[in-house]
Each structure stands twice: as C-alpha cells, then as structure tokens.
Amino acid sequence: MKYELVHRPKPIAIEIESRDFRRFGETGDVVLKSPSCNASGQLVNISMNGLLGRFHHHSALPGLFGKVAVGVRLHGEERIFKVYGTVVRIQIAGTDPDSEYIEFAVKFSGLIPQEKHELKALVHTLRGRARKCPYF
C-alpha cells in the first residue's frame, strides 16, 4: 500500500520561558557597589528576582559571583530602590565584540519584607506601564 502526503507538516515553534518571574524592560539608572567597585550604569530590565544593567567597560566593575549593593532609580521616579544581590552573569552588550559596554545580571538575595514590598510595588508599576505600551 502506498501513502501520499496530502499536506506538508508545518514546523512547530514553541518558546519556553524558563524564568520564574516576568522581566520588564525599563529605562533607569543602576549603581553597583562592593568593596572593589562603585559602578554606575543603565537599567536594561528588572524582575522580582533580579535585574540586567549595562555598564561602560572602563568602570571598576564587580566579578562574577561578586556580592553587590544595588541601587535602582527608574526614569521619571524620585525614589531609589536599594537591595543586595549577586552577579550571576556577565556578557558583552549587543552583538559587537568591540562593544564599549558590558551587561551584568544580578540576582537579588536576602530581601527583607520591606524590600520585597517595595520591589512588588515597583514591578506593579512597570506591569501597568507594559499594558499601556504593549509594543515596547
């Protein structure tokens, strides 16, 4: 018996998000402080679990798994969100290997209840902004 393929199967693309919390792209300032550094940069994205920031490579920067104090101020906001975390990833910003910027992923740790509350309020604000601007 001979079988003919009537319709060619279409490829199935399934994207799996392995992150525990949704990340929100937002502009703002980030400061990373440790005994060996005091670096100022730009916020790339933030979630309940951590953030990604972009820093100039000439700055004194922390190393991988370095413990840092983090300060975040969103553009248009007066308050500064302060928390502690660990650098869990370091990467070149963008695709150009000669980029002048380096991105640092920081995972928040040791959040006290007040910090968790402030972070939830910050993320809630960003969630509201994301709904208003779904294409950004």
N, C-alpha and C. Protein backbone atom coordinates (compact mmCIF):
# COMPACT_ATOMS: atom_id res chain seq x y z
N MET A 1 0.84 -1.15 0.00
CA MET A 1 0.00 0.00 0.00
C MET A 1 0.90 1.24 0.00
N LYS A 2 0.56 2.23 -0.82
CA LYS A 2 1.36 3.44 -0.94
C LYS A 2 0.57 4.60 -0.35
N TYR A 3 1.26 5.42 0.50
CA TYR A 3 0.64 6.58 1.11
C TYR A 3 1.23 7.85 0.52
N GLU A 4 0.39 8.82 0.29
CA GLU A 4 0.84 10.10 -0.22
C GLU A 4 0.61 11.17 0.84
N LEU A 5 1.56 12.05 0.94
CA LEU A 5 1.45 13.15 1.87
C LEU A 5 0.56 14.23 1.23
N VAL A 6 -0.60 14.46 1.84
CA VAL A 6 -1.55 15.41 1.28
C VAL A 6 -1.15 16.84 1.64
N HIS A 7 -0.78 17.06 2.87
CA HIS A 7 -0.34 18.38 3.34
C HIS A 7 1.03 18.23 3.99
N ARG A 8 1.92 19.13 3.62
CA ARG A 8 3.23 19.11 4.24
C ARG A 8 3.10 19.64 5.68
N PRO A 9 3.64 18.93 6.65
CA PRO A 9 3.54 19.41 8.04
C PRO A 9 4.26 20.75 8.21
N LYS A 10 3.66 21.61 9.00
CA LYS A 10 4.27 22.89 9.28
C LYS A 10 5.15 22.76 10.52
N PRO A 11 6.27 23.49 10.54
CA PRO A 11 7.11 23.43 11.74
C PRO A 11 6.39 24.05 12.93
N ILE A 12 6.63 23.49 14.07
CA ILE A 12 6.02 23.99 15.30
C ILE A 12 7.11 24.68 16.11
N ALA A 13 6.88 25.92 16.42
CA ALA A 13 7.84 26.67 17.22
C ALA A 13 7.23 26.92 18.59
N ILE A 14 7.85 26.38 19.59
CA ILE A 14 7.38 26.57 20.95
C ILE A 14 8.49 27.27 21.72
N GLU A 15 8.15 28.41 22.28
CA GLU A 15 9.12 29.15 23.06
C GLU A 15 8.80 28.92 24.53
N ILE A 16 9.77 28.44 25.25
CA ILE A 16 9.57 28.16 26.66
C ILE A 16 10.33 29.21 27.47
N GLU A 17 9.62 29.88 28.35
CA GLU A 17 10.24 30.86 29.23
C GLU A 17 10.62 30.13 30.50
N SER A 18 11.91 30.01 30.74
CA SER A 18 12.38 29.25 31.90
C SER A 18 12.58 30.13 33.13
N ARG A 19 12.20 31.35 33.05
CA ARG A 19 12.40 32.26 34.17
C ARG A 19 11.21 32.16 35.14
N ASP A 20 11.50 32.42 36.40
CA ASP A 20 10.46 32.37 37.42
C ASP A 20 9.57 33.60 37.41
N PHE A 21 10.13 34.75 36.99
CA PHE A 21 9.38 36.00 37.03
C PHE A 21 9.51 36.73 35.70
N ARG A 22 8.46 37.43 35.32
CA ARG A 22 8.46 38.22 34.09
C ARG A 22 9.43 39.40 34.25
N ARG A 23 10.19 39.65 33.18
CA ARG A 23 11.12 40.78 33.18
C ARG A 23 10.48 41.95 32.47
N PHE A 24 10.76 43.15 32.96
CA PHE A 24 10.22 44.37 32.39
C PHE A 24 11.37 45.24 31.91
N GLY A 25 11.39 45.53 30.61
CA GLY A 25 12.37 46.45 30.07
C GLY A 25 12.01 47.85 30.51
N GLU A 26 12.93 48.55 31.08
CA GLU A 26 12.64 49.87 31.63
C GLU A 26 13.92 50.69 31.63
N THR A 27 13.80 51.98 31.41
CA THR A 27 14.97 52.84 31.46
C THR A 27 15.13 53.38 32.86
N GLY A 28 16.37 53.49 33.27
CA GLY A 28 16.66 54.00 34.60
C GLY A 28 18.14 53.89 34.87
N ASP A 29 18.52 54.28 36.06
CA ASP A 29 19.92 54.25 36.47
C ASP A 29 20.13 53.10 37.45
N VAL A 30 21.31 52.49 37.36
CA VAL A 30 21.69 51.39 38.26
C VAL A 30 23.07 51.70 38.82
N VAL A 31 23.23 51.46 40.10
CA VAL A 31 24.54 51.58 40.74
C VAL A 31 24.84 50.25 41.41
N LEU A 32 26.04 49.72 41.15
CA LEU A 32 26.51 48.51 41.82
C LEU A 32 27.68 48.91 42.72
N LYS A 33 27.59 48.55 43.99
CA LYS A 33 28.65 48.88 44.94
C LYS A 33 29.13 47.62 45.63
N SER A 34 30.44 47.52 45.76
CA SER A 34 31.08 46.45 46.52
C SER A 34 32.38 47.03 47.06
N PRO A 35 33.12 46.28 47.85
CA PRO A 35 34.40 46.82 48.34
C PRO A 35 35.36 47.20 47.20
N SER A 36 35.24 46.54 46.05
CA SER A 36 36.18 46.79 44.96
C SER A 36 35.63 47.67 43.84
N CYS A 37 34.35 48.07 43.91
CA CYS A 37 33.79 48.85 42.80
C CYS A 37 32.68 49.77 43.25
N ASN A 38 32.43 50.75 42.41
CA ASN A 38 31.30 51.66 42.55
C ASN A 38 30.95 52.06 41.13
N ALA A 39 30.13 51.25 40.46
CA ALA A 39 29.84 51.43 39.04
C ALA A 39 28.44 51.95 38.81
N SER A 40 28.31 52.96 37.94
CA SER A 40 27.02 53.49 37.54
C SER A 40 26.73 53.08 36.11
N GLY A 41 25.48 52.67 35.85
CA GLY A 41 25.11 52.25 34.51
C GLY A 41 23.64 52.46 34.25
N GLN A 42 23.16 51.82 33.19
CA GLN A 42 21.77 51.95 32.77
C GLN A 42 21.03 50.62 32.97
N LEU A 43 19.80 50.71 33.43
CA LEU A 43 18.95 49.53 33.61
C LEU A 43 18.49 49.03 32.24
N VAL A 44 18.59 47.71 32.03
CA VAL A 44 18.10 47.09 30.80
C VAL A 44 16.74 46.46 31.08
N ASN A 45 16.65 45.64 32.15
CA ASN A 45 15.37 45.08 32.56
C ASN A 45 15.44 44.69 34.02
N ILE A 46 14.26 44.47 34.60
CA ILE A 46 14.18 44.13 36.02
C ILE A 46 13.00 43.19 36.24
N SER A 47 13.11 42.33 37.25
CA SER A 47 12.03 41.43 37.63
C SER A 47 12.03 41.30 39.15
N MET A 48 11.16 40.47 39.68
CA MET A 48 11.13 40.22 41.12
C MET A 48 12.37 39.48 41.58
N ASN A 49 13.08 38.87 40.66
CA ASN A 49 14.23 38.04 41.01
C ASN A 49 15.57 38.73 40.81
N GLY A 50 15.63 39.73 39.92
CA GLY A 50 16.91 40.37 39.65
C GLY A 50 16.81 41.41 38.56
N LEU A 51 17.97 41.82 38.05
CA LEU A 51 18.00 42.84 37.01
C LEU A 51 19.17 42.61 36.07
N LEU A 52 19.10 43.31 34.93
CA LEU A 52 20.19 43.34 33.97
C LEU A 52 20.53 44.80 33.76
N GLY A 53 21.82 45.14 33.95
CA GLY A 53 22.27 46.51 33.78
C GLY A 53 23.42 46.59 32.80
N ARG A 54 23.55 47.72 32.13
CA ARG A 54 24.60 47.95 31.14
C ARG A 54 25.58 48.99 31.68
N PHE A 55 26.88 48.64 31.66
CA PHE A 55 27.92 49.48 32.23
C PHE A 55 29.05 49.66 31.23
N HIS A 56 29.73 50.82 31.31
CA HIS A 56 30.88 51.07 30.44
C HIS A 56 32.03 50.19 30.91
N HIS A 57 32.76 49.59 29.98
CA HIS A 57 33.79 48.63 30.36
C HIS A 57 34.99 49.27 31.07
N HIS A 58 35.12 50.59 31.03
CA HIS A 58 36.24 51.25 31.72
C HIS A 58 35.94 51.47 33.21
N SER A 59 34.71 51.22 33.62
CA SER A 59 34.34 51.39 35.03
C SER A 59 34.95 50.27 35.86
N ALA A 60 35.15 50.54 37.14
CA ALA A 60 35.56 49.47 38.07
C ALA A 60 34.31 48.62 38.32
N LEU A 61 34.35 47.36 37.90
CA LEU A 61 33.17 46.51 37.93
C LEU A 61 33.39 45.29 38.81
N PRO A 62 32.32 44.74 39.36
CA PRO A 62 32.45 43.54 40.19
C PRO A 62 32.73 42.31 39.33
N GLY A 63 33.20 41.25 39.96
CA GLY A 63 33.44 40.00 39.25
C GLY A 63 32.23 39.09 39.33
N LEU A 64 32.30 38.01 38.58
CA LEU A 64 31.24 37.01 38.60
C LEU A 64 31.10 36.44 40.00
N PHE A 65 29.89 36.29 40.46
CA PHE A 65 29.51 35.83 41.79
C PHE A 65 29.90 36.81 42.90
N GLY A 66 30.22 38.05 42.49
CA GLY A 66 30.51 39.08 43.48
C GLY A 66 29.23 39.56 44.15
N LYS A 67 29.32 39.80 45.44
CA LYS A 67 28.18 40.34 46.21
C LYS A 67 28.18 41.85 46.04
N VAL A 68 26.99 42.40 45.73
CA VAL A 68 26.89 43.84 45.48
C VAL A 68 25.67 44.43 46.17
N ALA A 69 25.81 45.71 46.50
CA ALA A 69 24.65 46.51 46.91
C ALA A 69 24.16 47.17 45.62
N VAL A 70 22.86 47.17 45.42
CA VAL A 70 22.28 47.66 44.17
C VAL A 70 21.35 48.83 44.47
N GLY A 71 21.49 49.87 43.68
CA GLY A 71 20.56 51.00 43.74
C GLY A 71 19.93 51.17 42.37
N VAL A 72 18.61 51.28 42.31
CA VAL A 72 17.89 51.44 41.04
C VAL A 72 16.98 52.66 41.14
N ARG A 73 17.06 53.53 40.14
CA ARG A 73 16.14 54.66 40.06
C ARG A 73 15.58 54.68 38.64
N LEU A 74 14.27 54.46 38.52
CA LEU A 74 13.62 54.50 37.22
C LEU A 74 13.54 55.93 36.74
N HIS A 75 13.62 56.12 35.43
CA HIS A 75 13.47 57.47 34.88
C HIS A 75 12.07 57.98 35.19
N GLY A 76 12.00 59.20 35.61
CA GLY A 76 10.72 59.79 35.96
C GLY A 76 10.30 59.52 37.39
N GLU A 77 11.12 58.81 38.15
CA GLU A 77 10.82 58.49 39.54
C GLU A 77 11.83 59.18 40.44
N GLU A 78 11.40 59.57 41.62
CA GLU A 78 12.30 60.21 42.58
C GLU A 78 12.98 59.19 43.49
N ARG A 79 12.23 58.16 43.87
CA ARG A 79 12.75 57.22 44.86
C ARG A 79 13.78 56.28 44.26
N ILE A 80 14.68 55.83 45.12
CA ILE A 80 15.72 54.88 44.73
C ILE A 80 15.43 53.57 45.46
N PHE A 81 15.35 52.49 44.69
CA PHE A 81 15.13 51.16 45.25
C PHE A 81 16.51 50.58 45.58
N LYS A 82 16.71 50.16 46.83
CA LYS A 82 18.01 49.62 47.25
C LYS A 82 17.84 48.19 47.72
N VAL A 83 18.78 47.32 47.30
CA VAL A 83 18.72 45.90 47.64
C VAL A 83 20.11 45.30 47.49
N TYR A 84 20.28 44.08 47.93
CA TYR A 84 21.55 43.37 47.77
C TYR A 84 21.37 42.22 46.79
N GLY A 85 22.47 41.82 46.15
CA GLY A 85 22.40 40.72 45.21
C GLY A 85 23.77 40.16 44.87
N THR A 86 23.75 39.22 43.93
CA THR A 86 24.96 38.55 43.47
C THR A 86 25.02 38.63 41.95
N VAL A 87 26.19 38.94 41.41
CA VAL A 87 26.38 38.96 39.96
C VAL A 87 26.37 37.52 39.48
N VAL A 88 25.42 37.17 38.62
CA VAL A 88 25.29 35.79 38.16
C VAL A 88 25.65 35.61 36.69
N ARG A 89 25.77 36.72 35.94
CA ARG A 89 26.15 36.63 34.53
C ARG A 89 26.79 37.94 34.09
N ILE A 90 27.84 37.81 33.28
CA ILE A 90 28.50 38.97 32.68
C ILE A 90 28.59 38.70 31.19
N GLN A 91 28.17 39.67 30.37
CA GLN A 91 28.17 39.46 28.92
C GLN A 91 28.43 40.77 28.20
N ILE A 92 28.89 40.67 26.97
CA ILE A 92 29.08 41.85 26.13
C ILE A 92 27.70 42.36 25.76
N ALA A 93 27.52 43.68 25.80
CA ALA A 93 26.24 44.28 25.42
C ALA A 93 26.13 44.28 23.91
N GLY A 94 25.03 43.73 23.39
CA GLY A 94 24.82 43.68 21.94
C GLY A 94 25.61 42.56 21.29
N THR A 95 25.80 42.68 19.99
CA THR A 95 26.47 41.62 19.23
C THR A 95 27.87 42.00 18.77
N ASP A 96 28.26 43.25 18.96
CA ASP A 96 29.58 43.71 18.54
C ASP A 96 30.62 43.31 19.59
N PRO A 97 31.60 42.47 19.23
CA PRO A 97 32.60 42.05 20.22
C PRO A 97 33.47 43.21 20.71
N ASP A 98 33.48 44.33 19.98
CA ASP A 98 34.25 45.50 20.40
C ASP A 98 33.39 46.52 21.14
N SER A 99 32.24 46.09 21.62
CA SER A 99 31.34 46.99 22.33
C SER A 99 32.04 47.60 23.54
N GLU A 100 31.72 48.85 23.82
CA GLU A 100 32.28 49.52 24.98
C GLU A 100 31.50 49.22 26.25
N TYR A 101 30.42 48.44 26.12
CA TYR A 101 29.55 48.20 27.26
C TYR A 101 29.49 46.71 27.60
N ILE A 102 29.32 46.47 28.90
CA ILE A 102 29.20 45.12 29.43
C ILE A 102 27.90 45.06 30.22
N GLU A 103 27.16 43.97 30.09
CA GLU A 103 25.92 43.78 30.84
C GLU A 103 26.15 42.84 32.01
N PHE A 104 25.60 43.21 33.15
CA PHE A 104 25.71 42.42 34.37
C PHE A 104 24.31 42.01 34.81
N ALA A 105 24.11 40.71 34.99
CA ALA A 105 22.86 40.20 35.54
C ALA A 105 23.08 40.01 37.04
N VAL A 106 22.19 40.58 37.83
CA VAL A 106 22.29 40.50 39.28
C VAL A 106 21.04 39.81 39.81
N LYS A 107 21.24 38.78 40.59
CA LYS A 107 20.13 38.08 41.24
C LYS A 107 20.00 38.64 42.65
N PHE A 108 18.80 39.12 42.99
CA PHE A 108 18.57 39.68 44.31
C PHE A 108 18.65 38.58 45.36
N SER A 109 19.14 38.94 46.56
CA SER A 109 19.22 37.95 47.64
C SER A 109 19.01 38.64 48.98
N GLY A 110 18.56 37.87 49.93
CA GLY A 110 18.40 38.36 51.29
C GLY A 110 17.40 39.49 51.43
N LEU A 111 16.34 39.48 50.62
CA LEU A 111 15.34 40.55 50.71
C LEU A 111 14.59 40.47 52.03
N ILE A 112 14.55 41.58 52.73
CA ILE A 112 13.74 41.64 53.94
C ILE A 112 12.31 41.99 53.52
N PRO A 113 11.32 41.77 54.38
CA PRO A 113 9.93 42.02 53.98
C PRO A 113 9.68 43.41 53.39
N GLN A 114 10.29 44.46 53.94
CA GLN A 114 10.10 45.82 53.42
C GLN A 114 10.63 45.93 51.99
N GLU A 115 11.79 45.32 51.72
CA GLU A 115 12.36 45.34 50.37
C GLU A 115 11.48 44.57 49.39
N LYS A 116 10.96 43.43 49.82
CA LYS A 116 10.04 42.66 48.97
C LYS A 116 8.81 43.47 48.63
N HIS A 117 8.29 44.17 49.62
CA HIS A 117 7.11 45.02 49.41
C HIS A 117 7.41 46.12 48.41
N GLU A 118 8.56 46.80 48.56
CA GLU A 118 8.95 47.87 47.65
C GLU A 118 9.18 47.33 46.23
N LEU A 119 9.80 46.15 46.12
CA LEU A 119 10.04 45.55 44.82
C LEU A 119 8.72 45.18 44.14
N LYS A 120 7.78 44.63 44.91
CA LYS A 120 6.46 44.31 44.34
C LYS A 120 5.77 45.57 43.83
N ALA A 121 5.87 46.66 44.58
CA ALA A 121 5.26 47.92 44.16
C ALA A 121 5.92 48.43 42.88
N LEU A 122 7.24 48.31 42.80
CA LEU A 122 7.97 48.74 41.60
C LEU A 122 7.55 47.92 40.39
N VAL A 123 7.50 46.60 40.55
CA VAL A 123 7.11 45.71 39.45
C VAL A 123 5.65 45.95 39.07
N HIS A 124 4.80 46.21 40.05
CA HIS A 124 3.40 46.51 39.75
C HIS A 124 3.29 47.77 38.89
N THR A 125 4.09 48.77 39.20
CA THR A 125 4.12 50.00 38.40
C THR A 125 4.54 49.68 36.97
N LEU A 126 5.58 48.86 36.82
CA LEU A 126 6.08 48.50 35.50
C LEU A 126 5.06 47.66 34.73
N ARG A 127 4.35 46.80 35.42
CA ARG A 127 3.33 45.97 34.78
C ARG A 127 2.25 46.86 34.20
N GLY A 128 1.86 47.91 34.93
CA GLY A 128 0.86 48.86 34.44
C GLY A 128 1.35 49.61 33.21
N ARG A 129 2.62 49.98 33.21
CA ARG A 129 3.20 50.66 32.05
C ARG A 129 3.27 49.73 30.85
N ALA A 130 3.56 48.45 31.08
CA ALA A 130 3.67 47.48 29.99
C ALA A 130 2.33 47.30 29.30
N ARG A 131 1.24 47.32 30.06
CA ARG A 131 -0.09 47.18 29.47
C ARG A 131 -0.42 48.37 28.58
N LYS A 132 0.00 49.56 29.00
CA LYS A 132 -0.30 50.76 28.24
C LYS A 132 0.53 50.83 26.96
N CYS A 133 1.70 50.25 26.96
CA CYS A 133 2.59 50.29 25.79
C CYS A 133 2.97 48.86 25.39
N PRO A 134 2.03 48.09 24.81
CA PRO A 134 2.28 46.66 24.57
C PRO A 134 3.37 46.37 23.55
N TYR A 135 3.78 47.36 22.75
CA TYR A 135 4.76 47.08 21.71
C TYR A 135 6.19 47.44 22.12
N PHE A 136 6.39 47.82 23.35
CA PHE A 136 7.73 48.19 23.81
C PHE A 136 8.21 47.22 24.85
